[in-house]
Amino acid sequence: MLMKGDLVRIPQNTYIETVRAQAGAALTKRPAIGIVLSVNEFKCKVLLDDREWLVKSKDLQLCGREEC
């Protein structure tokens, strides 16, 4: 289970939405590393490239000592 502060890998072609409703959504073009800011049942708020994004929890991979 993901928790605030976890380092996560976001795979290529993952659908991400901006936190601000006006800004829109995107697909990741390459794998990326982000930090979990908050978690709810289905989505996490993740800090990626100095911006906050909403990402489905099932799409995130927890980075451990030997992963990422």
PDB file of N, CA and C in Angstrom:
ATOM      1  N   MET A   1       0.836  -1.184   0.000  1.00  0.00           N
ATOM      2  CA  MET A   1       0.000   0.000   0.000  1.00  0.00           C
ATOM      3  C   MET A   1       0.881   1.247   0.000  1.00  0.00           C
ATOM      4  N   LEU A   2       0.515   2.198  -0.820  1.00  0.00           N
ATOM      5  CA  LEU A   2       1.285   3.429  -0.925  1.00  0.00           C
ATOM      6  C   LEU A   2       0.958   4.371   0.221  1.00  0.00           C
ATOM      7  N   MET A   3       1.968   5.150   0.613  1.00  0.00           N
ATOM      8  CA  MET A   3       1.814   6.122   1.690  1.00  0.00           C
ATOM      9  C   MET A   3       2.438   7.444   1.266  1.00  0.00           C
ATOM     10  N   LYS A   4       2.037   8.512   1.920  1.00  0.00           N
ATOM     11  CA  LYS A   4       2.611   9.826   1.663  1.00  0.00           C
ATOM     12  C   LYS A   4       4.123   9.744   1.845  1.00  0.00           C
ATOM     13  N   GLY A   5       4.861  10.312   0.883  1.00  0.00           N
ATOM     14  CA  GLY A   5       6.315  10.331   0.956  1.00  0.00           C
ATOM     15  C   GLY A   5       6.991   9.201   0.196  1.00  0.00           C
ATOM     16  N   ASP A   6       6.228   8.208  -0.272  1.00  0.00           N
ATOM     17  CA  ASP A   6       6.812   7.089  -1.019  1.00  0.00           C
ATOM     18  C   ASP A   6       7.365   7.566  -2.357  1.00  0.00           C
ATOM     19  N   LEU A   7       8.467   6.963  -2.758  1.00  0.00           N
ATOM     20  CA  LEU A   7       9.045   7.179  -4.075  1.00  0.00           C
ATOM     21  C   LEU A   7       8.426   6.150  -5.006  1.00  0.00           C
ATOM     22  N   VAL A   8       7.870   6.603  -6.130  1.00  0.00           N
ATOM     23  CA  VAL A   8       7.167   5.694  -7.033  1.00  0.00           C
ATOM     24  C   VAL A   8       7.662   5.849  -8.470  1.00  0.00           C
ATOM     25  N   ARG A   9       7.554   4.766  -9.205  1.00  0.00           N
ATOM     26  CA  ARG A   9       7.860   4.757 -10.636  1.00  0.00           C
ATOM     27  C   ARG A   9       6.534   4.857 -11.381  1.00  0.00           C
ATOM     28  N   ILE A  10       6.516   5.734 -12.371  1.00  0.00           N
ATOM     29  CA  ILE A  10       5.332   5.909 -13.207  1.00  0.00           C
ATOM     30  C   ILE A  10       5.710   5.409 -14.596  1.00  0.00           C
ATOM     31  N   PRO A  11       5.125   4.303 -15.041  1.00  0.00           N
ATOM     32  CA  PRO A  11       5.507   3.719 -16.328  1.00  0.00           C
ATOM     33  C   PRO A  11       5.161   4.610 -17.532  1.00  0.00           C
ATOM     34  N   GLN A  12       5.792   4.312 -18.647  1.00  0.00           N
ATOM     35  CA  GLN A  12       5.496   4.983 -19.904  1.00  0.00           C
ATOM     36  C   GLN A  12       4.035   4.743 -20.279  1.00  0.00           C
ATOM     37  N   ASN A  13       3.416   5.706 -20.934  1.00  0.00           N
ATOM     38  CA  ASN A  13       2.025   5.649 -21.392  1.00  0.00           C
ATOM     39  C   ASN A  13       1.008   5.549 -20.253  1.00  0.00           C
ATOM     40  N   THR A  14       1.325   6.134 -19.115  1.00  0.00           N
ATOM     41  CA  THR A  14       0.395   6.198 -17.991  1.00  0.00           C
ATOM     42  C   THR A  14      -0.417   7.489 -18.089  1.00  0.00           C
ATOM     43  N   TYR A  15      -1.721   7.376 -17.909  1.00  0.00           N
ATOM     44  CA  TYR A  15      -2.611   8.537 -17.942  1.00  0.00           C
ATOM     45  C   TYR A  15      -2.463   9.304 -16.640  1.00  0.00           C
ATOM     46  N   ILE A  16      -2.132  10.590 -16.739  1.00  0.00           N
ATOM     47  CA  ILE A  16      -2.003  11.448 -15.556  1.00  0.00           C
ATOM     48  C   ILE A  16      -2.855  12.703 -15.773  1.00  0.00           C
ATOM     49  N   GLU A  17      -3.441  13.206 -14.686  1.00  0.00           N
ATOM     50  CA  GLU A  17      -4.270  14.408 -14.734  1.00  0.00           C
ATOM     51  C   GLU A  17      -3.645  15.471 -13.844  1.00  0.00           C
ATOM     52  N   THR A  18      -3.716  16.710 -14.276  1.00  0.00           N
ATOM     53  CA  THR A  18      -3.238  17.775 -13.409  1.00  0.00           C
ATOM     54  C   THR A  18      -4.211  17.964 -12.254  1.00  0.00           C
ATOM     55  N   VAL A  19      -3.715  18.443 -11.158  1.00  0.00           N
ATOM     56  CA  VAL A  19      -4.557  18.670  -9.985  1.00  0.00           C
ATOM     57  C   VAL A  19      -5.514  19.822 -10.261  1.00  0.00           C
ATOM     58  N   ARG A  20      -5.040  20.832 -10.963  1.00  0.00           N
ATOM     59  CA  ARG A  20      -5.913  21.952 -11.325  1.00  0.00           C
ATOM     60  C   ARG A  20      -6.799  21.515 -12.479  1.00  0.00           C
ATOM     61  N   ALA A  21      -8.085  21.640 -12.323  1.00  0.00           N
ATOM     62  CA  ALA A  21      -9.053  21.141 -13.310  1.00  0.00           C
ATOM     63  C   ALA A  21      -8.891  21.783 -14.682  1.00  0.00           C
ATOM     64  N   GLN A  22      -8.422  23.003 -14.763  1.00  0.00           N
ATOM     65  CA  GLN A  22      -8.323  23.704 -16.032  1.00  0.00           C
ATOM     66  C   GLN A  22      -7.141  23.243 -16.879  1.00  0.00           C
ATOM     67  N   ALA A  23      -6.142  22.664 -16.282  1.00  0.00           N
ATOM     68  CA  ALA A  23      -4.895  22.379 -16.993  1.00  0.00           C
ATOM     69  C   ALA A  23      -4.955  21.138 -17.871  1.00  0.00           C
ATOM     70  N   GLY A  24      -5.772  20.138 -17.554  1.00  0.00           N
ATOM     71  CA  GLY A  24      -5.930  18.985 -18.428  1.00  0.00           C
ATOM     72  C   GLY A  24      -5.238  17.722 -17.971  1.00  0.00           C
ATOM     73  N   ALA A  25      -4.930  16.878 -18.977  1.00  0.00           N
ATOM     74  CA  ALA A  25      -4.357  15.564 -18.705  1.00  0.00           C
ATOM     75  C   ALA A  25      -3.298  15.254 -19.761  1.00  0.00           C
ATOM     76  N   ALA A  26      -2.571  14.160 -19.534  1.00  0.00           N
ATOM     77  CA  ALA A  26      -1.511  13.763 -20.463  1.00  0.00           C
ATOM     78  C   ALA A  26      -1.204  12.282 -20.297  1.00  0.00           C
ATOM     79  N   LEU A  27      -0.423  11.764 -21.223  1.00  0.00           N
ATOM     80  CA  LEU A  27       0.155  10.426 -21.112  1.00  0.00           C
ATOM     81  C   LEU A  27       1.645  10.607 -20.927  1.00  0.00           C
ATOM     82  N   THR A  28       2.235   9.815 -20.036  1.00  0.00           N
ATOM     83  CA  THR A  28       3.679   9.916 -19.868  1.00  0.00           C
ATOM     84  C   THR A  28       4.366   9.375 -21.119  1.00  0.00           C
ATOM     85  N   LYS A  29       5.406  10.049 -21.562  1.00  0.00           N
ATOM     86  CA  LYS A  29       6.130   9.644 -22.769  1.00  0.00           C
ATOM     87  C   LYS A  29       7.278   8.698 -22.460  1.00  0.00           C
ATOM     88  N   ARG A  30       7.717   8.717 -21.201  1.00  0.00           N
ATOM     89  CA  ARG A  30       8.799   7.821 -20.770  1.00  0.00           C
ATOM     90  C   ARG A  30       8.587   7.519 -19.292  1.00  0.00           C
ATOM     91  N   PRO A  31       9.192   6.476 -18.782  1.00  0.00           N
ATOM     92  CA  PRO A  31       9.054   6.198 -17.344  1.00  0.00           C
ATOM     93  C   PRO A  31       9.570   7.385 -16.525  1.00  0.00           C
ATOM     94  N   ALA A  32       8.972   7.606 -15.375  1.00  0.00           N
ATOM     95  CA  ALA A  32       9.359   8.726 -14.518  1.00  0.00           C
ATOM     96  C   ALA A  32       9.314   8.303 -13.057  1.00  0.00           C
ATOM     97  N   ILE A  33       9.970   9.082 -12.226  1.00  0.00           N
ATOM     98  CA  ILE A  33       9.991   8.864 -10.779  1.00  0.00           C
ATOM     99  C   ILE A  33       9.285  10.048 -10.120  1.00  0.00           C
ATOM    100  N   GLY A  34       8.406   9.764  -9.169  1.00  0.00           N
ATOM    101  CA  GLY A  34       7.679  10.817  -8.470  1.00  0.00           C
ATOM    102  C   GLY A  34       7.586  10.525  -6.984  1.00  0.00           C
ATOM    103  N   ILE A  35       7.067  11.492  -6.241  1.00  0.00           N
ATOM    104  CA  ILE A  35       6.878  11.372  -4.798  1.00  0.00           C
ATOM    105  C   ILE A  35       5.390  11.479  -4.492  1.00  0.00           C
ATOM    106  N   VAL A  36       4.871  10.540  -3.721  1.00  0.00           N
ATOM    107  CA  VAL A  36       3.455  10.540  -3.350  1.00  0.00           C
ATOM    108  C   VAL A  36       3.195  11.653  -2.333  1.00  0.00           C
ATOM    109  N   LEU A  37       2.242  12.523  -2.659  1.00  0.00           N
ATOM    110  CA  LEU A  37       1.865  13.612  -1.757  1.00  0.00           C
ATOM    111  C   LEU A  37       0.640  13.274  -0.924  1.00  0.00           C
ATOM    112  N   SER A  38      -0.298  12.527  -1.519  1.00  0.00           N
ATOM    113  CA  SER A  38      -1.480  12.081  -0.786  1.00  0.00           C
ATOM    114  C   SER A  38      -2.066  10.872  -1.493  1.00  0.00           C
ATOM    115  N   VAL A  39      -2.840  10.094  -0.729  1.00  0.00           N
ATOM    116  CA  VAL A  39      -3.410   8.848  -1.238  1.00  0.00           C
ATOM    117  C   VAL A  39      -4.888   8.797  -0.894  1.00  0.00           C
ATOM    118  N   ASN A  40      -5.718   8.399  -1.864  1.00  0.00           N
ATOM    119  CA  ASN A  40      -7.096   8.059  -1.546  1.00  0.00           C
ATOM    120  C   ASN A  40      -7.353   6.661  -2.101  1.00  0.00           C
ATOM    121  N   GLU A  41      -8.584   6.257  -2.160  1.00  0.00           N
ATOM    122  CA  GLU A  41      -8.898   4.868  -2.507  1.00  0.00           C
ATOM    123  C   GLU A  41      -8.417   4.465  -3.900  1.00  0.00           C
ATOM    124  N   PHE A  42      -8.575   5.332  -4.892  1.00  0.00           N
ATOM    125  CA  PHE A  42      -8.254   4.953  -6.265  1.00  0.00           C
ATOM    126  C   PHE A  42      -7.144   5.771  -6.918  1.00  0.00           C
ATOM    127  N   LYS A  43      -6.870   6.975  -6.410  1.00  0.00           N
ATOM    128  CA  LYS A  43      -5.869   7.842  -7.025  1.00  0.00           C
ATOM    129  C   LYS A  43      -4.906   8.389  -5.992  1.00  0.00           C
ATOM    130  N   CYS A  44      -3.720   8.736  -6.484  1.00  0.00           N
ATOM    131  CA  CYS A  44      -2.711   9.372  -5.638  1.00  0.00           C
ATOM    132  C   CYS A  44      -2.340  10.712  -6.253  1.00  0.00           C
ATOM    133  N   LYS A  45      -2.044  11.668  -5.400  1.00  0.00           N
ATOM    134  CA  LYS A  45      -1.477  12.924  -5.864  1.00  0.00           C
ATOM    135  C   LYS A  45       0.031  12.742  -5.807  1.00  0.00           C
ATOM    136  N   VAL A  46       0.694  12.974  -6.951  1.00  0.00           N
ATOM    137  CA  VAL A  46       2.124  12.702  -7.075  1.00  0.00           C
ATOM    138  C   VAL A  46       2.845  13.957  -7.549  1.00  0.00           C
ATOM    139  N   LEU A  47       3.998  14.243  -6.951  1.00  0.00           N
ATOM    140  CA  LEU A  47       4.850  15.336  -7.401  1.00  0.00           C
ATOM    141  C   LEU A  47       5.764  14.789  -8.485  1.00  0.00           C
ATOM    142  N   LEU A  48       5.638  15.354  -9.688  1.00  0.00           N
ATOM    143  CA  LEU A  48       6.408  14.905 -10.839  1.00  0.00           C
ATOM    144  C   LEU A  48       6.811  16.133 -11.634  1.00  0.00           C
ATOM    145  N   ASP A  49       8.100  16.327 -11.849  1.00  0.00           N
ATOM    146  CA  ASP A  49       8.602  17.483 -12.604  1.00  0.00           C
ATOM    147  C   ASP A  49       8.093  18.806 -12.039  1.00  0.00           C
ATOM    148  N   ASP A  50       8.139  18.950 -10.730  1.00  0.00           N
ATOM    149  CA  ASP A  50       7.737  20.181 -10.027  1.00  0.00           C
ATOM    150  C   ASP A  50       6.263  20.546 -10.196  1.00  0.00           C
ATOM    151  N   ARG A  51       5.434  19.567 -10.568  1.00  0.00           N
ATOM    152  CA  ARG A  51       3.986  19.779 -10.676  1.00  0.00           C
ATOM    153  C   ARG A  51       3.260  18.650  -9.975  1.00  0.00           C
ATOM    154  N   GLU A  52       2.036  18.930  -9.542  1.00  0.00           N
ATOM    155  CA  GLU A  52       1.217  17.913  -8.879  1.00  0.00           C
ATOM    156  C   GLU A  52       0.293  17.267  -9.897  1.00  0.00           C
ATOM    157  N   TRP A  53       0.253  15.930  -9.889  1.00  0.00           N
ATOM    158  CA  TRP A  53      -0.552  15.157 -10.825  1.00  0.00           C
ATOM    159  C   TRP A  53      -1.380  14.125 -10.068  1.00  0.00           C
ATOM    160  N   LEU A  54      -2.545  13.782 -10.602  1.00  0.00           N
ATOM    161  CA  LEU A  54      -3.348  12.681 -10.084  1.00  0.00           C
ATOM    162  C   LEU A  54      -3.105  11.469 -10.964  1.00  0.00           C
ATOM    163  N   VAL A  55      -2.763  10.357 -10.324  1.00  0.00           N
ATOM    164  CA  VAL A  55      -2.438   9.122 -11.038  1.00  0.00           C
ATOM    165  C   VAL A  55      -3.193   7.981 -10.371  1.00  0.00           C
ATOM    166  N   LYS A  56      -3.744   7.064 -11.171  1.00  0.00           N
ATOM    167  CA  LYS A  56      -4.411   5.898 -10.597  1.00  0.00           C
ATOM    168  C   LYS A  56      -3.408   5.102  -9.770  1.00  0.00           C
ATOM    169  N   SER A  57      -3.809   4.723  -8.573  1.00  0.00           N
ATOM    170  CA  SER A  57      -2.922   3.983  -7.663  1.00  0.00           C
ATOM    171  C   SER A  57      -2.413   2.693  -8.280  1.00  0.00           C
ATOM    172  N   LYS A  58      -3.250   2.018  -9.070  1.00  0.00           N
ATOM    173  CA  LYS A  58      -2.859   0.741  -9.667  1.00  0.00           C
ATOM    174  C   LYS A  58      -1.744   0.901 -10.703  1.00  0.00           C
ATOM    175  N   ASP A  59      -1.542   2.110 -11.216  1.00  0.00           N
ATOM    176  CA  ASP A  59      -0.510   2.351 -12.220  1.00  0.00           C
ATOM    177  C   ASP A  59       0.858   2.650 -11.610  1.00  0.00           C
ATOM    178  N   LEU A  60       0.904   2.930 -10.321  1.00  0.00           N
ATOM    179  CA  LEU A  60       2.161   3.296  -9.664  1.00  0.00           C
ATOM    180  C   LEU A  60       2.894   2.071  -9.131  1.00  0.00           C
ATOM    181  N   GLN A  61       4.227   2.126  -9.224  1.00  0.00           N
ATOM    182  CA  GLN A  61       5.064   1.049  -8.707  1.00  0.00           C
ATOM    183  C   GLN A  61       5.976   1.611  -7.629  1.00  0.00           C
ATOM    184  N   LEU A  62       5.910   1.041  -6.450  1.00  0.00           N
ATOM    185  CA  LEU A  62       6.720   1.485  -5.329  1.00  0.00           C
ATOM    186  C   LEU A  62       8.191   1.204  -5.612  1.00  0.00           C
ATOM    187  N   CYS A  63       9.048   2.195  -5.376  1.00  0.00           N
ATOM    188  CA  CYS A  63      10.494   2.013  -5.550  1.00  0.00           C
ATOM    189  C   CYS A  63      11.088   1.577  -4.226  1.00  0.00           C
ATOM    190  N   GLY A  64      11.779   0.469  -4.244  1.00  0.00           N
ATOM    191  CA  GLY A  64      12.454  -0.027  -3.050  1.00  0.00           C
ATOM    192  C   GLY A  64      13.952   0.153  -3.169  1.00  0.00           C
ATOM    193  N   ARG A  65      14.679  -0.526  -2.340  1.00  0.00           N
ATOM    194  CA  ARG A  65      16.131  -0.398  -2.347  1.00  0.00           C
ATOM    195  C   ARG A  65      16.754  -0.888  -3.649  1.00  0.00           C
ATOM    196  N   GLU A  66      16.233  -1.960  -4.207  1.00  0.00           N
ATOM    197  CA  GLU A  66      16.841  -2.538  -5.389  1.00  0.00           C
ATOM    198  C   GLU A  66      16.067  -2.248  -6.669  1.00  0.00           C
ATOM    199  N   GLU A  67      14.945  -1.571  -6.557  1.00  0.00           N
ATOM    200  CA  GLU A  67      14.118  -1.284  -7.720  1.00  0.00           C
ATOM    201  C   GLU A  67      14.278   0.170  -8.132  1.00  0.00           C
ATOM    202  N   CYS A  68      13.739   0.495  -9.278  1.00  0.00           N
ATOM    203  CA  CYS A  68      13.780   1.832  -9.889  1.00  0.00           C
ATOM    204  C   CYS A  68      15.157   2.066 -10.387  1.00  0.00           C
TER     205      CYS A  68
END
